Each structure stands twice: as structure tokens, then as C-alpha cells.
Amino acid sequence: MTATTLDAPNARELARFHQRLLGWPTRRDEPDWVELAPPDGGAGLSFQTEPLFTPPRWPSTGSEQQMMTHPDIGVSDLASAVGHALALGATLAEFQPRADVRVLCDPVGHPFCLFVRTDEYA
């Protein structure tokens, strides 16, 4: 796998949020397509403009767009990482299923999880 792609009303705007969140450089930047490359050379994160984008609902319900995938991001300090994400424009999800993980949503509503990397998640 080379990348996971997230749809958005504006690919560049969402890519800027995730670029600042992750600190990854931009590999490709076109008006409706942006690719971020991880420093270690693994699978990247891409963004494409989708004019009919509907934000996913977390937690899922039967009557709204369901979350189909979400990034899990390992961090060294959960409180600092949550503060950083919130300062960039993320929102804290109302429902938090675990005490050691924080579910947030990016500016267009894609959920993502922050957690402290431990042996359990290695």
C-alpha cells in the first residue's frame, strides 16, 4: 500500500491541517489532489477534493454517513498531542471509548485517534 486517501470539500485545506498535525512534507500538490509523505518512507496520506463530500458520523448511526476508516496516531504525550490538534482546528469527539485513547475529528469531520505508544501497540 502506498497511501490512504481522505476525501474533502477542499483537498489543499485538509492536507494543510494534516501536514501541520503530522509534520510530514508534501510530496505532490495539485488543485484537487495532495499527497503527504512520511519521513520514514512508509505509506503516505493523500487528499482529494470531493464536491459531494459528506462528513462521517462518530460514533456511527444507521441514518448518517458512517466512518469507514480512521488514522491511529501514536504520540509520546497524549495531553500535549490533543492540545496541538485542537489548536490546529480539530475537535474532540463527544464519545471517547477508551481512557488511554482520544478520538478527535479533523476540520471536515474525519475521526482520528491519538494514543501513547506502548508495548501493547508496538
C-alpha atoms as a PDB file:
ATOM      1  CA  MET A   1       0.000   0.000   0.000  1.00  0.00           C
ATOM      2  CA  THR A   2       1.337   3.451  -0.858  1.00  0.00           C
ATOM      3  CA  ALA A   3      -1.239   5.732   0.780  1.00  0.00           C
ATOM      4  CA  THR A   4      -4.629   6.188   2.393  1.00  0.00           C
ATOM      5  CA  THR A   5      -6.791   8.852   0.737  1.00  0.00           C
ATOM      6  CA  LEU A   6      -9.254  11.126   2.510  1.00  0.00           C
ATOM      7  CA  ASP A   7     -11.965  12.965   0.582  1.00  0.00           C
ATOM      8  CA  ALA A   8     -12.665  16.588   1.456  1.00  0.00           C
ATOM      9  CA  PRO A   9     -14.509  19.627   0.138  1.00  0.00           C
ATOM     10  CA  ASN A  10     -11.046  21.147  -0.473  1.00  0.00           C
ATOM     11  CA  ALA A  11      -8.051  18.799  -0.687  1.00  0.00           C
ATOM     12  CA  ARG A  12      -5.452  21.510  -0.067  1.00  0.00           C
ATOM     13  CA  GLU A  13      -7.116  22.851   3.092  1.00  0.00           C
ATOM     14  CA  LEU A  14      -7.451  19.426   4.673  1.00  0.00           C
ATOM     15  CA  ALA A  15      -3.918  18.470   3.632  1.00  0.00           C
ATOM     16  CA  ARG A  16      -2.569  21.624   5.336  1.00  0.00           C
ATOM     17  CA  PHE A  17      -4.245  20.601   8.608  1.00  0.00           C
ATOM     18  CA  HIS A  18      -2.785  17.079   8.492  1.00  0.00           C
ATOM     19  CA  GLN A  19       0.624  18.350   7.355  1.00  0.00           C
ATOM     20  CA  ARG A  20       0.808  20.585  10.441  1.00  0.00           C
ATOM     21  CA  LEU A  21      -0.570  17.811  12.674  1.00  0.00           C
ATOM     22  CA  LEU A  22       1.906  15.175  11.499  1.00  0.00           C
ATOM     23  CA  GLY A  23       4.822  17.347  10.407  1.00  0.00           C
ATOM     24  CA  TRP A  24       5.088  15.434   7.124  1.00  0.00           C
ATOM     25  CA  PRO A  25       6.331  17.110   3.950  1.00  0.00           C
ATOM     26  CA  THR A  26       4.159  17.472   0.879  1.00  0.00           C
ATOM     27  CA  ARG A  27       5.115  15.042  -1.892  1.00  0.00           C
ATOM     28  CA  ARG A  28       2.621  16.228  -4.510  1.00  0.00           C
ATOM     29  CA  ASP A  29       0.366  19.291  -4.591  1.00  0.00           C
ATOM     30  CA  GLU A  30      -2.267  19.790  -7.267  1.00  0.00           C
ATOM     31  CA  PRO A  31      -5.507  21.822  -7.031  1.00  0.00           C
ATOM     32  CA  ASP A  32      -7.680  18.785  -6.196  1.00  0.00           C
ATOM     33  CA  TRP A  33      -5.047  16.267  -5.045  1.00  0.00           C
ATOM     34  CA  VAL A  34      -2.351  16.478  -2.360  1.00  0.00           C
ATOM     35  CA  GLU A  35      -0.002  13.785  -1.061  1.00  0.00           C
ATOM     36  CA  LEU A  36       1.913  13.851   2.220  1.00  0.00           C
ATOM     37  CA  ALA A  37       4.986  11.645   2.622  1.00  0.00           C
ATOM     38  CA  PRO A  38       6.068  10.239   5.979  1.00  0.00           C
ATOM     39  CA  PRO A  39       9.711  10.841   6.871  1.00  0.00           C
ATOM     40  CA  ASP A  40      10.371   7.080   7.238  1.00  0.00           C
ATOM     41  CA  GLY A  41       9.258   6.374   3.660  1.00  0.00           C
ATOM     42  CA  GLY A  42       6.201   4.299   4.626  1.00  0.00           C
ATOM     43  CA  ALA A  43       2.668   4.680   3.304  1.00  0.00           C
ATOM     44  CA  GLY A  44       1.590   8.293   2.910  1.00  0.00           C
ATOM     45  CA  LEU A  45      -1.648  10.189   3.329  1.00  0.00           C
ATOM     46  CA  SER A  46      -3.429  11.677   0.311  1.00  0.00           C
ATOM     47  CA  PHE A  47      -6.341  14.086  -0.029  1.00  0.00           C
ATOM     48  CA  GLN A  48      -8.731  14.542  -2.914  1.00  0.00           C
ATOM     49  CA  THR A  49     -11.389  17.160  -3.452  1.00  0.00           C
ATOM     50  CA  GLU A  50     -14.877  15.661  -3.468  1.00  0.00           C
ATOM     51  CA  PRO A  51     -17.591  18.252  -4.174  1.00  0.00           C
ATOM     52  CA  LEU A  52     -20.296  15.961  -2.737  1.00  0.00           C
ATOM     53  CA  PHE A  53     -18.341  15.156   0.443  1.00  0.00           C
ATOM     54  CA  THR A  54     -20.481  14.225   3.452  1.00  0.00           C
ATOM     55  CA  PRO A  55     -18.702  14.163   6.828  1.00  0.00           C
ATOM     56  CA  PRO A  56     -18.743  10.824   8.644  1.00  0.00           C
ATOM     57  CA  ARG A  57     -20.554  10.457  11.965  1.00  0.00           C
ATOM     58  CA  TRP A  58     -18.722   9.293  15.093  1.00  0.00           C
ATOM     59  CA  PRO A  59     -19.958   7.226  16.715  1.00  0.00           C
ATOM     60  CA  SER A  60     -21.768   5.639  13.794  1.00  0.00           C
ATOM     61  CA  THR A  61     -25.523   5.696  13.420  1.00  0.00           C
ATOM     62  CA  GLY A  62     -27.697   3.878  10.938  1.00  0.00           C
ATOM     63  CA  SER A  63     -29.015   7.050   9.347  1.00  0.00           C
ATOM     64  CA  GLU A  64     -25.843   9.075   8.705  1.00  0.00           C
ATOM     65  CA  GLN A  65     -22.584   8.611   6.788  1.00  0.00           C
ATOM     66  CA  GLN A  66     -20.568   6.054   8.742  1.00  0.00           C
ATOM     67  CA  MET A  67     -16.871   6.275   9.445  1.00  0.00           C
ATOM     68  CA  MET A  68     -15.174   3.789   7.135  1.00  0.00           C
ATOM     69  CA  THR A  69     -11.562   4.283   8.165  1.00  0.00           C
ATOM     70  CA  HIS A  70      -9.584   6.486  10.512  1.00  0.00           C
ATOM     71  CA  PRO A  71      -5.915   7.181  11.228  1.00  0.00           C
ATOM     72  CA  ASP A  72      -4.410   5.985  14.526  1.00  0.00           C
ATOM     73  CA  ILE A  73      -1.536   8.253  15.512  1.00  0.00           C
ATOM     74  CA  GLY A  74       0.948   7.195  18.178  1.00  0.00           C
ATOM     75  CA  VAL A  75       2.267  10.060  20.311  1.00  0.00           C
ATOM     76  CA  SER A  76       4.623  10.409  23.260  1.00  0.00           C
ATOM     77  CA  ASP A  77       2.417  12.769  25.316  1.00  0.00           C
ATOM     78  CA  LEU A  78      -1.347  12.432  24.904  1.00  0.00           C
ATOM     79  CA  ALA A  79      -2.352  15.713  26.553  1.00  0.00           C
ATOM     80  CA  SER A  80       0.150  17.741  24.508  1.00  0.00           C
ATOM     81  CA  ALA A  81      -0.829  15.999  21.270  1.00  0.00           C
ATOM     82  CA  VAL A  82      -4.525  16.660  21.914  1.00  0.00           C
ATOM     83  CA  GLY A  83      -3.764  20.319  22.673  1.00  0.00           C
ATOM     84  CA  HIS A  84      -1.741  20.616  19.465  1.00  0.00           C
ATOM     85  CA  ALA A  85      -4.518  19.049  17.369  1.00  0.00           C
ATOM     86  CA  LEU A  86      -7.162  21.304  18.933  1.00  0.00           C
ATOM     87  CA  ALA A  87      -5.024  24.400  18.285  1.00  0.00           C
ATOM     88  CA  LEU A  88      -4.824  23.392  14.598  1.00  0.00           C
ATOM     89  CA  GLY A  89      -8.619  23.170  14.289  1.00  0.00           C
ATOM     90  CA  ALA A  90      -9.510  19.623  15.345  1.00  0.00           C
ATOM     91  CA  THR A  91     -12.452  18.989  17.650  1.00  0.00           C
ATOM     92  CA  LEU A  92     -12.639  16.498  20.491  1.00  0.00           C
ATOM     93  CA  ALA A  93     -15.291  13.851  19.849  1.00  0.00           C
ATOM     94  CA  GLU A  94     -18.026  13.706  22.450  1.00  0.00           C
ATOM     95  CA  PHE A  95     -17.812   9.892  22.683  1.00  0.00           C
ATOM     96  CA  GLN A  96     -14.471   8.555  23.953  1.00  0.00           C
ATOM     97  CA  PRO A  97     -14.429   4.722  24.011  1.00  0.00           C
ATOM     98  CA  ARG A  98     -11.159   4.279  25.943  1.00  0.00           C
ATOM     99  CA  ALA A  99      -9.387   6.190  28.684  1.00  0.00           C
ATOM    100  CA  ASP A 100      -5.971   5.850  27.005  1.00  0.00           C
ATOM    101  CA  VAL A 101      -7.078   6.998  23.524  1.00  0.00           C
ATOM    102  CA  ARG A 102      -8.520  10.320  22.374  1.00  0.00           C
ATOM    103  CA  VAL A 103     -10.826  10.475  19.389  1.00  0.00           C
ATOM    104  CA  LEU A 104     -10.778  13.797  17.562  1.00  0.00           C
ATOM    105  CA  CYS A 105     -12.174  14.986  14.245  1.00  0.00           C
ATOM    106  CA  ASP A 106     -10.262  16.967  11.657  1.00  0.00           C
ATOM    107  CA  PRO A 107     -11.767  20.235  10.361  1.00  0.00           C
ATOM    108  CA  VAL A 108     -14.059  18.447   7.869  1.00  0.00           C
ATOM    109  CA  GLY A 109     -15.152  15.698  10.278  1.00  0.00           C
ATOM    110  CA  HIS A 110     -12.851  12.712   9.662  1.00  0.00           C
ATOM    111  CA  PRO A 111     -12.222  10.993  13.025  1.00  0.00           C
ATOM    112  CA  PHE A 112      -8.675  10.154  14.052  1.00  0.00           C
ATOM    113  CA  CYS A 113      -7.252   8.648  17.223  1.00  0.00           C
ATOM    114  CA  LEU A 114      -4.296   9.767  19.304  1.00  0.00           C
ATOM    115  CA  PHE A 115      -2.725   7.318  21.736  1.00  0.00           C
ATOM    116  CA  VAL A 116       0.527   6.895  23.653  1.00  0.00           C
ATOM    117  CA  ARG A 117       2.632   4.193  22.065  1.00  0.00           C
ATOM    118  CA  THR A 118       3.320   1.345  24.499  1.00  0.00           C
ATOM    119  CA  ASP A 119       4.382  -2.284  24.140  1.00  0.00           C
ATOM    120  CA  GLU A 120       0.679  -3.138  23.698  1.00  0.00           C
ATOM    121  CA  TYR A 121       0.585  -1.020  20.490  1.00  0.00           C
ATOM    122  CA  ALA A 122       4.072  -1.868  19.170  1.00  0.00           C
END
